[in-house]
Amino acid sequence: MARQTGFTKASRELIVARASGMCEVMRQGCQFTGSEIHHRMTRGMGAPRVDGINSPANGLLLCSSCHRWVTENPLVSYRLGWAIRRNGIEVPPSVEVLWRKTSWVLLDDDGRIEIVRPNASRHITDVFA
């Protein structure tokens, strides 16, 4: 039997429900409807296994346009919580995410969002220009 390497069906359902089916980044050019689940901390081909790599806190529902941008722009994505380094220090539930240009949030493994800092958009305009 093949080993499960991606998000489980239950995790995917929690991520999609948390996002209400909408992209969780919403950069310029966003298609708005989420169609792909992005690993904030990559699975890392051949890398050691990391607990929680396929948990809802490590996933973001993105449109294909935002997913491509996040993947192609890792430095900004790390800064905004859309990507997390595999450094053994950061874990997805404790890394703040800029969510839909509106707030800094924490994501948990039960599919919930905790707003940490609201009104984020006035501080990050350079990223969305």
Foldseek 3Di string as FASTA:
>chain_A
DDDDQAADPVQVVLQCVLLVQFFFAAAVVFPGGFDDKDFQEDCDVVDDGDPPSRANLRITGGHPVVNVVCVVDVVVCCVQSSHPYPPVPDDSQVGWHCTNLFFTWGADRRSYIDGDGGRNNVPPVVVRD
